[in-house]
N, C-alpha and C. Protein backbone atom coordinates (compact mmCIF):
# COMPACT_ATOMS: atom_id res chain seq x y z
N MET A 1 53.03 -28.94 -299.75
CA MET A 1 53.47 -30.24 -299.28
C MET A 1 52.28 -30.96 -298.66
N LYS A 2 52.06 -32.19 -299.09
CA LYS A 2 50.97 -33.00 -298.52
C LYS A 2 51.24 -33.38 -297.08
N GLY A 3 52.43 -33.88 -296.82
CA GLY A 3 52.74 -34.33 -295.49
C GLY A 3 54.09 -35.03 -295.46
N ILE A 4 54.38 -35.58 -294.32
CA ILE A 4 55.67 -36.25 -294.09
C ILE A 4 55.41 -37.67 -293.62
N LEU A 5 56.11 -38.62 -294.21
CA LEU A 5 56.10 -39.99 -293.74
C LEU A 5 57.49 -40.32 -293.22
N VAL A 6 57.56 -40.65 -291.95
CA VAL A 6 58.81 -41.11 -291.34
C VAL A 6 58.67 -42.63 -291.24
N TYR A 7 59.53 -43.35 -291.96
CA TYR A 7 59.42 -44.80 -292.00
C TYR A 7 60.62 -45.46 -291.31
N PHE A 8 60.32 -46.40 -290.46
CA PHE A 8 61.36 -47.19 -289.80
C PHE A 8 61.31 -48.62 -290.33
N HIS A 9 62.45 -49.15 -290.70
CA HIS A 9 62.54 -50.50 -291.26
C HIS A 9 62.28 -51.58 -290.22
N CYS A 10 62.18 -51.19 -288.97
CA CYS A 10 61.97 -52.15 -287.88
C CYS A 10 60.57 -51.97 -287.31
N GLY A 11 60.25 -52.78 -286.34
CA GLY A 11 58.96 -52.66 -285.68
C GLY A 11 58.94 -51.55 -284.64
N SER A 12 57.77 -51.28 -284.13
CA SER A 12 57.62 -50.27 -283.08
C SER A 12 58.16 -50.80 -281.76
N ASN A 13 58.58 -49.88 -280.91
CA ASN A 13 59.04 -50.18 -279.55
C ASN A 13 60.15 -51.21 -279.49
N THR A 14 61.12 -51.06 -280.38
CA THR A 14 62.25 -51.98 -280.40
C THR A 14 63.38 -51.55 -279.47
N GLY A 15 63.32 -50.31 -279.00
CA GLY A 15 64.39 -49.81 -278.14
C GLY A 15 65.53 -49.27 -278.97
N TYR A 16 66.75 -49.60 -278.57
CA TYR A 16 67.96 -49.15 -279.26
C TYR A 16 67.97 -47.63 -279.39
N ALA A 17 68.57 -47.14 -280.45
CA ALA A 17 68.63 -45.70 -280.70
C ALA A 17 67.38 -45.22 -281.42
N ILE A 18 66.53 -46.14 -281.81
CA ILE A 18 65.32 -45.78 -282.57
C ILE A 18 64.44 -44.81 -281.79
N GLU A 19 64.31 -45.01 -280.49
CA GLU A 19 63.43 -44.15 -279.71
C GLU A 19 63.87 -42.69 -279.74
N SER A 20 65.16 -42.44 -279.66
CA SER A 20 65.62 -41.04 -279.73
C SER A 20 65.40 -40.47 -281.13
N LEU A 21 65.51 -41.33 -282.15
CA LEU A 21 65.25 -40.87 -283.51
C LEU A 21 63.77 -40.57 -283.72
N GLU A 22 62.89 -41.38 -283.14
CA GLU A 22 61.46 -41.11 -283.26
C GLU A 22 61.13 -39.73 -282.70
N LYS A 23 61.67 -39.42 -281.55
CA LYS A 23 61.43 -38.11 -280.94
C LYS A 23 61.98 -36.99 -281.81
N ALA A 24 63.19 -37.16 -282.31
CA ALA A 24 63.82 -36.13 -283.14
C ALA A 24 63.07 -35.94 -284.46
N PHE A 25 62.67 -37.03 -285.11
CA PHE A 25 61.95 -36.93 -286.37
C PHE A 25 60.56 -36.35 -286.18
N TYR A 26 59.92 -36.67 -285.06
CA TYR A 26 58.61 -36.08 -284.78
C TYR A 26 58.75 -34.57 -284.63
N GLN A 27 59.72 -34.12 -283.84
CA GLN A 27 59.90 -32.68 -283.62
C GLN A 27 60.29 -31.98 -284.92
N MET A 28 61.16 -32.57 -285.71
CA MET A 28 61.56 -32.00 -287.00
C MET A 28 60.34 -31.87 -287.90
N SER A 29 59.49 -32.89 -287.91
CA SER A 29 58.29 -32.86 -288.74
C SER A 29 57.35 -31.75 -288.29
N ARG A 30 57.18 -31.59 -286.98
CA ARG A 30 56.33 -30.50 -286.46
C ARG A 30 56.88 -29.14 -286.87
N ASN A 31 58.20 -29.00 -286.87
CA ASN A 31 58.81 -27.75 -287.28
C ASN A 31 58.53 -27.43 -288.75
N ILE A 32 58.38 -28.46 -289.56
CA ILE A 32 58.16 -28.26 -291.00
C ILE A 32 56.69 -28.05 -291.33
N VAL A 33 55.81 -28.90 -290.82
CA VAL A 33 54.40 -28.83 -291.22
C VAL A 33 53.47 -28.26 -290.16
N SER A 34 53.93 -28.11 -288.94
CA SER A 34 53.21 -27.44 -287.85
C SER A 34 51.93 -28.12 -287.36
N THR A 35 51.58 -29.27 -287.89
CA THR A 35 50.35 -29.93 -287.46
C THR A 35 50.48 -31.44 -287.57
N ASP A 36 49.96 -32.15 -286.57
CA ASP A 36 50.09 -33.61 -286.53
C ASP A 36 49.36 -34.32 -287.66
N ASP A 37 48.30 -33.72 -288.18
CA ASP A 37 47.52 -34.44 -289.19
C ASP A 37 48.28 -34.59 -290.50
N ARG A 38 49.41 -33.93 -290.66
CA ARG A 38 50.22 -34.07 -291.87
C ARG A 38 51.51 -34.85 -291.62
N ILE A 39 51.61 -35.46 -290.44
CA ILE A 39 52.78 -36.26 -290.08
C ILE A 39 52.33 -37.71 -289.93
N HIS A 40 53.08 -38.62 -290.53
CA HIS A 40 52.77 -40.05 -290.45
C HIS A 40 54.05 -40.81 -290.11
N PHE A 41 53.91 -41.79 -289.25
CA PHE A 41 55.02 -42.67 -288.92
C PHE A 41 54.66 -44.07 -289.40
N GLY A 42 55.60 -44.72 -290.08
CA GLY A 42 55.39 -46.07 -290.58
C GLY A 42 56.42 -47.02 -290.00
N TYR A 43 55.98 -48.23 -289.78
CA TYR A 43 56.84 -49.27 -289.21
C TYR A 43 56.66 -50.57 -289.97
N ALA A 44 57.69 -51.40 -289.94
CA ALA A 44 57.60 -52.71 -290.58
C ALA A 44 56.55 -53.58 -289.88
N ASP A 45 56.41 -53.41 -288.57
CA ASP A 45 55.32 -54.09 -287.86
C ASP A 45 54.98 -53.31 -286.59
N LEU A 46 53.79 -53.54 -286.12
CA LEU A 46 53.30 -52.90 -284.89
C LEU A 46 52.97 -53.96 -283.84
N ASP A 47 53.66 -55.09 -283.91
CA ASP A 47 53.40 -56.20 -283.00
C ASP A 47 53.58 -55.82 -281.53
N LYS A 48 54.46 -54.87 -281.26
CA LYS A 48 54.71 -54.45 -279.87
C LYS A 48 53.89 -53.22 -279.48
N GLY A 49 52.90 -52.90 -280.29
CA GLY A 49 51.98 -51.82 -279.94
C GLY A 49 52.35 -50.45 -280.49
N PHE A 50 51.55 -49.49 -280.07
CA PHE A 50 51.74 -48.10 -280.48
C PHE A 50 53.08 -47.59 -279.97
N PRO A 51 53.82 -46.85 -280.80
CA PRO A 51 55.13 -46.34 -280.38
C PRO A 51 55.01 -45.47 -279.12
N ARG A 52 55.68 -45.86 -278.07
CA ARG A 52 55.57 -45.14 -276.80
C ARG A 52 56.25 -43.78 -276.81
N THR A 53 57.06 -43.50 -277.81
CA THR A 53 57.76 -42.22 -277.87
C THR A 53 56.94 -41.12 -278.53
N LEU A 54 55.87 -41.49 -279.22
CA LEU A 54 55.06 -40.48 -279.88
C LEU A 54 54.04 -39.92 -278.89
N PRO A 55 53.61 -38.68 -279.10
CA PRO A 55 52.70 -38.04 -278.14
C PRO A 55 51.36 -38.76 -278.01
N ALA A 56 50.78 -38.68 -276.83
CA ALA A 56 49.43 -39.22 -276.61
C ALA A 56 48.48 -38.51 -277.57
N GLY A 57 47.60 -39.26 -278.17
CA GLY A 57 46.64 -38.68 -279.10
C GLY A 57 47.12 -38.65 -280.55
N PHE A 58 48.40 -38.89 -280.78
CA PHE A 58 48.91 -38.96 -282.15
C PHE A 58 48.45 -40.28 -282.75
N SER A 59 47.78 -40.21 -283.89
CA SER A 59 47.18 -41.44 -284.42
C SER A 59 47.64 -41.83 -285.82
N ASN A 60 48.48 -41.07 -286.43
CA ASN A 60 48.90 -41.36 -287.81
C ASN A 60 50.07 -42.33 -287.85
N VAL A 61 49.80 -43.55 -287.43
CA VAL A 61 50.81 -44.60 -287.40
C VAL A 61 50.32 -45.73 -288.29
N ILE A 62 51.18 -46.15 -289.22
CA ILE A 62 50.81 -47.21 -290.15
C ILE A 62 51.86 -48.32 -290.13
N GLN A 63 51.45 -49.46 -290.60
CA GLN A 63 52.36 -50.60 -290.78
C GLN A 63 52.36 -50.95 -292.25
N PHE A 64 53.55 -51.14 -292.82
CA PHE A 64 53.61 -51.63 -294.20
C PHE A 64 54.94 -52.30 -294.49
N ASP A 65 54.91 -53.17 -295.45
CA ASP A 65 56.08 -53.93 -295.87
C ASP A 65 56.77 -53.16 -296.98
N SER A 66 57.94 -52.62 -296.69
CA SER A 66 58.64 -51.80 -297.67
C SER A 66 59.18 -52.61 -298.85
N SER A 67 59.18 -53.94 -298.74
CA SER A 67 59.64 -54.76 -299.86
C SER A 67 58.51 -55.07 -300.85
N ASP A 68 57.27 -54.70 -300.49
CA ASP A 68 56.11 -54.94 -301.35
C ASP A 68 55.95 -53.76 -302.31
N SER A 69 56.25 -53.97 -303.57
CA SER A 69 56.15 -52.89 -304.55
C SER A 69 54.90 -53.00 -305.41
N SER A 70 53.91 -53.73 -304.93
CA SER A 70 52.68 -53.87 -305.69
C SER A 70 51.92 -52.54 -305.75
N LYS A 71 51.08 -52.39 -306.76
CA LYS A 71 50.29 -51.18 -306.90
C LYS A 71 49.43 -50.92 -305.66
N GLU A 72 48.86 -51.99 -305.11
CA GLU A 72 47.99 -51.85 -303.95
C GLU A 72 48.76 -51.28 -302.75
N SER A 73 49.97 -51.80 -302.54
CA SER A 73 50.77 -51.33 -301.43
C SER A 73 51.18 -49.87 -301.63
N LEU A 74 51.61 -49.54 -302.82
CA LEU A 74 52.05 -48.18 -303.10
C LEU A 74 50.88 -47.20 -303.04
N LYS A 75 49.69 -47.64 -303.46
CA LYS A 75 48.52 -46.78 -303.38
C LYS A 75 48.17 -46.50 -301.92
N PHE A 76 48.27 -47.51 -301.07
CA PHE A 76 48.02 -47.35 -299.64
C PHE A 76 48.93 -46.28 -299.05
N ILE A 77 50.18 -46.30 -299.42
CA ILE A 77 51.16 -45.33 -298.89
C ILE A 77 50.84 -43.93 -299.41
N GLY A 78 50.39 -43.82 -300.60
CA GLY A 78 50.08 -42.52 -301.20
C GLY A 78 48.87 -41.84 -300.62
N ASN A 79 47.99 -42.62 -299.99
CA ASN A 79 46.77 -42.02 -299.43
C ASN A 79 47.08 -41.45 -298.11
């Protein structure tokens, strides 16, 4: 397995139930791949900054538009 991408259709730090899901998905991902470098979190936007629920030092956070099906967008996600 290359890694795990956890994608949220909303932006970072929106509150709601998303924060508890971020924590749960992060822990589930660690249980599966055992290392942060194979875990990635994606958001529709990062306008509100780095997700506060993810551990300090975790850097695999990306922003992308899930409605963009262009080759360039899909290639970015695959890398």
